[in-house]
Amino acid sequence: MIGFGPWPPTSAGNWFAAVAPGRYTPAMVEATSSGGRPVKSTRQGFTLVELLVVIAIIATLIGLLLPAVQSVRETARRTQCANHLRQLGLAIMTHESGRKIFPTGRLSREPDGYGWTFRLLPYLEEQAIFDAWVPNVTVYDARNAKAMRTPVAGYYCPSRRGPAADRNFDNNNQRPPVLGVAAGGDYAASAGSWFMYASESGIPDGKKAGPIFTFSKVKPGHVSDGMSKTFAIGERHIPPADPSWGDMTQRWQGDTALFPSDTPDVLFRDVYRGLAAAPDDRSPRKFGSRHANVVQFVFLDAHVEPIAADTDREVLLRYALIGDGMDPTAVIDDGGGDGT
C-alpha cells in the first residue's frame, strides 16, 4: 500500500512529496524548472557602477552624434539660404527683362520711399505686400503697416534667424520713431567700392559702381565685366552690439527696417575692406554670414557662389565693380619674383 504525505498539498513541492514521499522533497521541486534547469528565486538589478558605465556610454555616443546632426542641419540651412539668394537673382533678371534695367537701389534718401528690397516683391510672388504701399506718407505711418511691417521669408538666412517684424525704423541718426515692428532681412545689394556710392543721373562709373546703388539705373550694357562675374546681392554682416547703444543698436549695426529708402546701411554693403571673417567683426559695411568660413552671393546671371571669407580684397573688388575691366578669376600679380 502506498503511503501519502500531508494532504492537501500547499505547493507543487508538497504535492510531489505527498504523492511520492521520500522520493521528492519540496526544496528539490522548487529548485528546478520543468526542463530540469535551476531557477533563481530572486532577480538581481544593475549595480550603481553598471548604471554609471551605461550612462557614460550613452553620453559618449550623444557627444559623437551631436556634431554630425548639427552639421547636417547647417548644411540644410545653408542650402536654403542659397535658394533664397537664387530666387532674388531670378527676380532681378525678371525685372530687367521686363523693364530693361536692373532694380534701382533707391530713389529717395528720406523715409518717404522704398528700396530695391521692396521693389522686387512683385517678382517674388509678394504682389499683395507691394500693392499695400501708400505714397505721400512716411514709411512708419500706420497706413503703411502692411507694406513695411510684413516680413518675407525669402529675405532671411535661416542660419541667422527666421522671419519676424521686430526691426526699428530709421530716423537720420536720431532715436527711432517706431520700435520693433518693421520687417527685417539678411541680404544686401552690392553698391560698389563704397556702400554709399550714388549717381544723381543713375549712370554708373564702372570703376566705382556695383549694379544696385542709390539712384542706380544700370542696364546690362553697363556691365562690361560680364554678369556671371559680377556680384548682385550677398549676405549682410551684422556686427556685435554695444550695450551702450540702447535704442540705436540696430541703427549702428546696420540692421533696421529692410524695405524703406532711408536705410542705406541695410540696403547696401561693399567689399572695400574685405568680408567679415568672424561674427565679432566691428564693421557695419561688410558682407558676412553665419556659415563657416564662407559668404554666399548671387551674381547678376542668378547663379549662387560661396565666397571664402578670407578672399583677397582685390579679387572681391573685381567681383563687385561692374566695369573695371578686371577678371576676378585671373591670378593677381602680387609683385613677387625670384630675384632674377
Protein backbone atom coordinates (compact mmCIF):
# COMPACT_ATOMS: atom_id res chain seq x y z
CA MET A 1 0.00 0.00 0.00
CA ILE A 2 1.30 3.35 -0.99
CA GLY A 3 1.54 5.97 1.70
CA PHE A 4 0.73 9.63 1.10
CA GLY A 5 2.15 12.68 2.74
CA PRO A 6 0.20 15.60 4.18
CA TRP A 7 -2.99 16.39 2.31
CA PRO A 8 -4.00 18.63 0.70
CA PRO A 9 -0.54 19.81 -0.54
CA THR A 10 0.12 23.54 -0.19
CA SER A 11 2.55 23.84 -3.09
CA ALA A 12 3.93 21.98 -6.09
CA GLY A 13 6.76 20.65 -3.93
CA ASN A 14 4.32 19.46 -1.23
CA TRP A 15 2.16 17.82 -3.92
CA PHE A 16 5.05 15.70 -5.18
CA ALA A 17 6.05 14.90 -1.63
CA ALA A 18 2.51 13.86 -0.84
CA VAL A 19 2.26 11.60 -3.88
CA ALA A 20 5.73 10.06 -3.52
CA PRO A 21 7.01 10.52 -0.01
CA GLY A 22 10.71 10.00 0.37
CA ARG A 23 11.37 10.43 -3.34
CA TYR A 24 10.71 14.15 -3.81
CA THR A 25 11.11 16.99 -1.39
CA PRO A 26 9.62 20.50 -1.70
CA ALA A 27 13.13 22.02 -1.92
CA MET A 28 14.06 19.76 -4.84
CA VAL A 29 10.97 20.67 -6.81
CA GLU A 30 11.18 24.40 -6.13
CA ALA A 31 14.84 24.44 -7.26
CA THR A 32 14.12 23.07 -10.74
CA SER A 33 12.09 24.16 -13.73
CA SER A 34 10.03 21.93 -15.94
CA GLY A 35 13.16 21.46 -18.06
CA GLY A 36 15.26 20.45 -15.15
CA ARG A 37 17.30 23.70 -15.09
CA PRO A 38 17.86 25.64 -11.90
CA VAL A 39 15.61 28.65 -11.41
CA LYS A 40 16.76 31.62 -9.35
CA SER A 41 14.31 32.52 -6.69
CA THR A 42 15.33 36.22 -6.73
CA ARG A 43 16.14 38.72 -9.53
CA GLN A 44 19.18 40.97 -9.13
CA GLY A 45 19.15 44.58 -10.65
CA PHE A 46 22.01 46.70 -12.04
CA THR A 47 24.59 47.83 -9.62
CA LEU A 48 25.40 51.54 -9.30
CA VAL A 49 28.69 51.02 -11.12
CA GLU A 50 26.94 49.31 -14.03
CA LEU A 51 24.41 52.14 -14.30
CA LEU A 52 27.19 54.72 -14.33
CA VAL A 53 29.01 52.84 -17.09
CA VAL A 54 25.84 52.70 -19.21
CA ILE A 55 25.20 56.41 -18.68
CA ALA A 56 28.80 57.20 -19.65
CA ILE A 57 28.50 55.16 -22.84
CA ILE A 58 25.24 56.90 -23.80
CA ALA A 59 26.76 60.32 -23.11
CA THR A 60 29.77 59.46 -25.28
CA LEU A 61 27.53 58.35 -28.15
CA ILE A 62 25.49 61.54 -27.91
CA GLY A 63 28.70 63.58 -27.89
CA LEU A 64 29.81 61.85 -31.07
CA LEU A 65 26.47 62.13 -32.85
CA LEU A 66 25.51 65.70 -31.91
CA PRO A 67 28.17 67.46 -34.05
CA ALA A 68 27.17 65.32 -37.02
CA VAL A 69 23.49 66.20 -36.54
CA GLN A 70 24.33 69.89 -36.21
CA SER A 71 26.48 69.72 -39.35
CA VAL A 72 23.64 68.17 -41.32
CA ARG A 73 21.23 70.86 -40.10
CA GLU A 74 23.64 73.67 -41.00
CA THR A 75 24.14 72.18 -44.46
CA ALA A 76 20.38 72.22 -44.94
CA ARG A 77 20.15 75.83 -43.70
CA ARG A 78 22.98 76.94 -45.96
CA THR A 79 21.28 75.29 -48.92
CA GLN A 80 18.05 77.09 -48.08
CA CYS A 81 19.94 80.39 -47.82
CA ALA A 82 21.46 79.78 -51.25
CA ASN A 83 17.99 79.10 -52.63
CA HIS A 84 16.74 82.41 -51.21
CA LEU A 85 19.58 84.22 -52.96
CA ARG A 86 18.88 82.31 -56.15
CA GLN A 87 15.26 83.49 -56.06
CA LEU A 88 16.42 87.08 -55.58
CA GLY A 89 18.75 86.68 -58.55
CA LEU A 90 15.91 85.39 -60.71
CA ALA A 91 13.75 88.30 -59.57
CA ILE A 92 16.46 90.73 -60.67
CA MET A 93 16.67 89.04 -64.06
CA THR A 94 12.89 89.12 -64.47
CA HIS A 95 12.83 92.80 -63.50
CA GLU A 96 15.50 93.56 -66.10
CA SER A 97 13.73 91.51 -68.73
CA GLY A 98 10.51 93.47 -68.30
CA ARG A 99 11.91 96.94 -67.61
CA LYS A 100 15.27 96.73 -69.44
CA ILE A 101 17.03 97.92 -66.32
CA PHE A 102 18.19 96.37 -63.07
CA PRO A 103 16.21 97.45 -59.99
CA THR A 104 17.32 100.79 -58.63
CA GLY A 105 18.78 100.78 -55.14
CA ARG A 106 16.52 103.61 -54.00
CA LEU A 107 15.12 106.83 -55.44
CA SER A 108 14.97 108.79 -52.20
CA ARG A 109 17.13 109.29 -49.13
CA GLU A 110 14.12 110.19 -46.98
CA PRO A 111 11.62 107.99 -45.10
CA ASP A 112 9.04 108.52 -47.83
CA GLY A 113 10.03 105.81 -50.29
CA TYR A 114 11.28 102.27 -50.62
CA GLY A 115 14.45 100.46 -51.63
CA TRP A 116 15.32 97.63 -54.01
CA THR A 117 14.16 95.08 -51.45
CA PHE A 118 10.59 96.33 -51.69
CA ARG A 119 10.78 96.94 -55.43
CA LEU A 120 11.47 93.24 -56.06
CA LEU A 121 8.41 91.99 -54.15
CA PRO A 122 6.16 91.58 -57.22
CA TYR A 123 8.83 89.33 -58.73
CA LEU A 124 8.93 87.24 -55.56
CA GLU A 125 5.20 86.46 -55.61
CA GLU A 126 4.52 89.11 -52.96
CA GLN A 127 2.36 91.44 -55.05
CA ALA A 128 -0.14 91.95 -52.22
CA ILE A 129 2.51 93.48 -49.96
CA PHE A 130 3.76 95.71 -52.76
CA ASP A 131 0.22 96.89 -53.57
CA ALA A 132 -0.28 97.86 -49.92
CA TRP A 133 2.19 100.74 -50.31
CA VAL A 134 0.64 104.13 -49.54
CA PRO A 135 2.62 107.02 -51.10
CA ASN A 136 2.93 110.51 -49.66
CA VAL A 137 3.13 109.28 -46.07
CA THR A 138 6.15 108.11 -44.11
CA VAL A 139 7.29 104.52 -44.08
CA TYR A 140 6.50 104.24 -40.38
CA ASP A 141 2.98 105.65 -40.73
CA ALA A 142 0.34 103.14 -39.65
CA ARG A 143 -1.18 103.31 -43.14
CA ASN A 144 1.96 101.63 -44.44
CA ALA A 145 1.90 98.91 -41.83
CA LYS A 146 1.21 96.03 -44.22
CA ALA A 147 3.76 97.27 -46.74
CA MET A 148 6.59 97.95 -44.31
CA ARG A 149 5.89 95.55 -41.45
CA THR A 150 5.20 92.25 -43.20
CA PRO A 151 8.29 90.01 -43.09
CA VAL A 152 9.12 87.98 -46.20
CA ALA A 153 10.81 84.62 -45.54
CA GLY A 154 12.91 84.83 -48.70
CA TYR A 155 14.89 87.75 -47.26
CA TYR A 156 16.13 85.79 -44.25
CA CYS A 157 19.08 83.45 -43.84
CA PRO A 158 17.87 80.52 -41.70
CA SER A 159 21.32 80.12 -40.18
CA ARG A 160 20.88 83.52 -38.53
CA ARG A 161 17.15 83.89 -37.79
CA GLY A 162 13.63 83.39 -39.00
CA PRO A 163 11.14 85.94 -40.40
CA ALA A 164 9.96 88.50 -37.86
CA ALA A 165 8.56 92.03 -37.68
CA ASP A 166 10.95 93.21 -34.97
CA ARG A 167 13.12 95.92 -36.56
CA ASN A 168 13.19 99.64 -35.79
CA PHE A 169 12.55 102.33 -38.36
CA ASP A 170 15.47 104.65 -39.04
CA ASN A 171 15.43 108.34 -38.16
CA ASN A 172 18.51 110.09 -39.59
CA ASN A 173 20.80 109.05 -36.76
CA GLN A 174 18.24 110.04 -34.12
CA ARG A 175 16.17 107.85 -31.80
CA PRO A 176 13.86 105.62 -33.89
CA PRO A 177 10.31 106.96 -34.21
CA VAL A 178 8.81 103.45 -34.01
CA LEU A 179 10.49 100.48 -32.34
CA GLY A 180 10.41 96.75 -33.04
CA VAL A 181 7.63 96.47 -35.65
CA ALA A 182 9.25 96.65 -39.10
CA ALA A 183 10.18 93.73 -41.36
CA GLY A 184 13.87 92.85 -41.45
CA GLY A 185 16.16 90.71 -43.54
CA ASP A 186 19.70 89.42 -44.08
CA TYR A 187 20.70 90.33 -47.64
CA ALA A 188 22.21 93.49 -49.12
CA ALA A 189 22.94 94.71 -52.64
CA SER A 190 26.48 95.22 -53.88
CA ALA A 191 26.73 99.00 -54.29
CA GLY A 192 30.33 99.04 -55.50
CA SER A 193 33.54 100.22 -53.86
CA TRP A 194 31.53 102.10 -51.20
CA PHE A 195 28.10 101.18 -49.87
CA MET A 196 27.02 104.84 -50.04
CA TYR A 197 28.00 105.20 -53.70
CA ALA A 198 25.43 107.26 -55.61
CA SER A 199 24.96 108.78 -59.05
CA GLU A 200 22.35 111.52 -59.41
CA SER A 201 21.94 110.65 -63.10
CA GLY A 202 21.75 106.96 -62.34
CA ILE A 203 24.51 106.29 -64.88
CA PRO A 204 27.30 104.35 -63.18
CA ASP A 205 31.02 104.81 -63.14
CA GLY A 206 32.05 101.25 -63.92
CA LYS A 207 35.22 101.53 -61.89
CA LYS A 208 33.35 102.54 -58.73
CA ALA A 209 29.80 101.23 -59.04
CA GLY A 210 28.11 97.95 -58.37
CA PRO A 211 24.86 97.03 -60.15
CA ILE A 212 22.48 98.33 -57.45
CA PHE A 213 23.13 101.63 -55.64
CA THR A 214 21.43 104.90 -54.70
CA PHE A 215 19.60 106.30 -57.78
CA SER A 216 21.02 103.49 -59.95
CA LYS A 217 19.79 102.95 -63.50
CA VAL A 218 22.11 100.17 -64.54
CA LYS A 219 21.50 98.25 -67.74
CA PRO A 220 23.19 95.05 -68.92
CA GLY A 221 25.26 97.11 -71.34
CA HIS A 222 26.90 98.88 -68.41
CA VAL A 223 28.16 95.58 -67.01
CA SER A 224 31.20 95.18 -69.22
CA ASP A 225 32.83 92.70 -66.86
CA GLY A 226 30.07 90.18 -67.50
CA MET A 227 27.01 89.32 -65.46
CA SER A 228 28.39 85.92 -64.45
CA LYS A 229 31.35 87.67 -62.81
CA THR A 230 29.52 90.48 -61.02
CA PHE A 231 28.04 90.37 -57.51
CA ALA A 232 24.38 91.35 -57.28
CA ILE A 233 23.35 90.55 -53.70
CA GLY A 234 25.14 88.96 -50.78
CA GLU A 235 24.70 88.06 -47.14
CA ARG A 236 24.86 91.11 -44.89
CA HIS A 237 27.23 91.13 -41.93
CA ILE A 238 25.74 92.33 -38.64
CA PRO A 239 28.41 93.39 -36.13
CA PRO A 240 28.04 92.70 -32.40
CA ALA A 241 26.01 95.14 -30.35
CA ASP A 242 27.40 97.52 -27.78
CA PRO A 243 25.20 97.71 -24.64
CA SER A 244 25.69 101.49 -24.53
CA TRP A 245 23.89 101.95 -27.86
CA GLY A 246 20.42 101.42 -26.39
CA ASP A 247 17.62 102.15 -28.89
CA MET A 248 20.24 102.96 -31.53
CA THR A 249 21.66 99.43 -31.55
CA GLN A 250 20.00 98.32 -34.77
CA ARG A 251 20.99 101.58 -36.43
CA TRP A 252 24.70 101.19 -35.66
CA GLN A 253 24.58 97.53 -36.62
CA GLY A 254 23.02 98.36 -39.99
CA ASP A 255 20.07 96.12 -39.17
CA THR A 256 16.96 98.33 -39.07
CA ALA A 257 13.89 98.08 -41.34
CA LEU A 258 14.57 96.32 -44.65
CA PHE A 259 12.16 97.99 -47.05
CA PRO A 260 12.38 101.81 -46.54
CA SER A 261 14.53 104.08 -48.71
CA ASP A 262 16.27 105.86 -45.83
CA THR A 263 18.26 102.82 -44.65
CA PRO A 264 21.43 102.62 -46.81
CA ASP A 265 23.19 100.71 -44.02
CA VAL A 266 20.64 97.94 -44.55
CA LEU A 267 20.11 98.10 -48.31
CA PHE A 268 23.78 98.10 -49.35
CA ARG A 269 27.18 96.67 -48.48
CA ASP A 270 30.63 96.90 -50.09
CA VAL A 271 33.84 94.87 -50.19
CA TYR A 272 36.37 97.69 -49.89
CA ARG A 273 37.59 96.33 -46.56
CA GLY A 274 37.05 92.69 -47.42
CA LEU A 275 34.49 90.29 -45.98
CA ALA A 276 33.68 89.79 -42.32
CA ALA A 277 35.73 86.76 -41.33
CA ALA A 278 34.00 86.29 -37.97
CA PRO A 279 30.83 87.37 -36.14
CA ASP A 280 32.82 89.77 -33.95
CA ASP A 281 33.97 91.92 -36.90
CA ARG A 282 33.02 95.50 -35.96
CA SER A 283 32.41 96.89 -39.46
CA PRO A 284 28.74 97.52 -40.43
CA ARG A 285 29.56 97.96 -44.13
CA LYS A 286 30.81 94.44 -44.88
CA PHE A 287 29.18 91.38 -46.28
CA GLY A 288 29.30 88.42 -43.89
CA SER A 289 27.41 85.31 -42.85
CA ARG A 290 26.74 82.75 -40.13
CA HIS A 291 28.09 79.96 -42.36
CA ALA A 292 31.55 78.67 -41.51
CA ASN A 293 34.27 80.45 -43.49
CA VAL A 294 32.14 81.49 -46.47
CA VAL A 295 29.75 84.24 -47.56
CA GLN A 296 27.17 83.46 -50.22
CA PHE A 297 26.49 85.76 -53.17
CA VAL A 298 24.10 85.69 -56.09
CA PHE A 299 25.51 87.10 -59.31
CA LEU A 300 23.69 89.09 -61.99
CA ASP A 301 23.12 85.91 -64.01
CA ALA A 302 21.35 84.42 -60.93
CA HIS A 303 23.93 81.76 -60.09
CA VAL A 304 24.98 81.50 -56.44
CA GLU A 305 28.52 81.01 -55.18
CA PRO A 306 30.02 80.69 -51.71
CA ILE A 307 33.00 83.05 -51.47
CA ALA A 308 35.72 82.30 -48.93
CA ALA A 309 35.65 84.83 -46.09
CA ASP A 310 39.41 85.38 -46.41
CA THR A 311 39.29 86.17 -50.14
CA ASP A 312 41.74 88.88 -51.17
CA ARG A 313 40.26 92.37 -51.24
CA GLU A 314 41.41 92.97 -54.82
CA VAL A 315 39.58 89.88 -56.02
CA LEU A 316 36.44 90.98 -54.21
CA LEU A 317 36.56 94.42 -55.84
CA ARG A 318 36.78 92.79 -59.25
CA TYR A 319 33.59 90.89 -58.45
CA ALA A 320 31.86 93.97 -57.04
CA LEU A 321 32.53 96.54 -59.77
CA ILE A 322 30.56 96.34 -63.00
CA GLY A 323 33.12 97.80 -65.40
CA ASP A 324 36.66 97.91 -64.03
CA GLY A 325 37.89 95.64 -66.82
CA MET A 326 39.43 93.19 -64.36
CA ASP A 327 38.77 89.46 -64.35
CA PRO A 328 38.19 88.24 -60.77
CA THR A 329 39.15 84.70 -61.78
CA ALA A 330 42.59 85.77 -63.03
CA VAL A 331 45.67 85.34 -60.87
CA ILE A 332 46.66 88.59 -59.17
CA ASP A 333 50.29 89.60 -59.54
CA ASP A 334 51.45 90.44 -56.04
CA GLY A 335 54.73 91.96 -57.24
CA GLY A 336 56.78 88.97 -56.11
CA GLY A 337 59.52 87.30 -58.06
CA ASP A 338 62.56 85.11 -57.89
CA GLY A 339 65.05 87.99 -57.96
CA THR A 340 66.27 87.37 -61.49
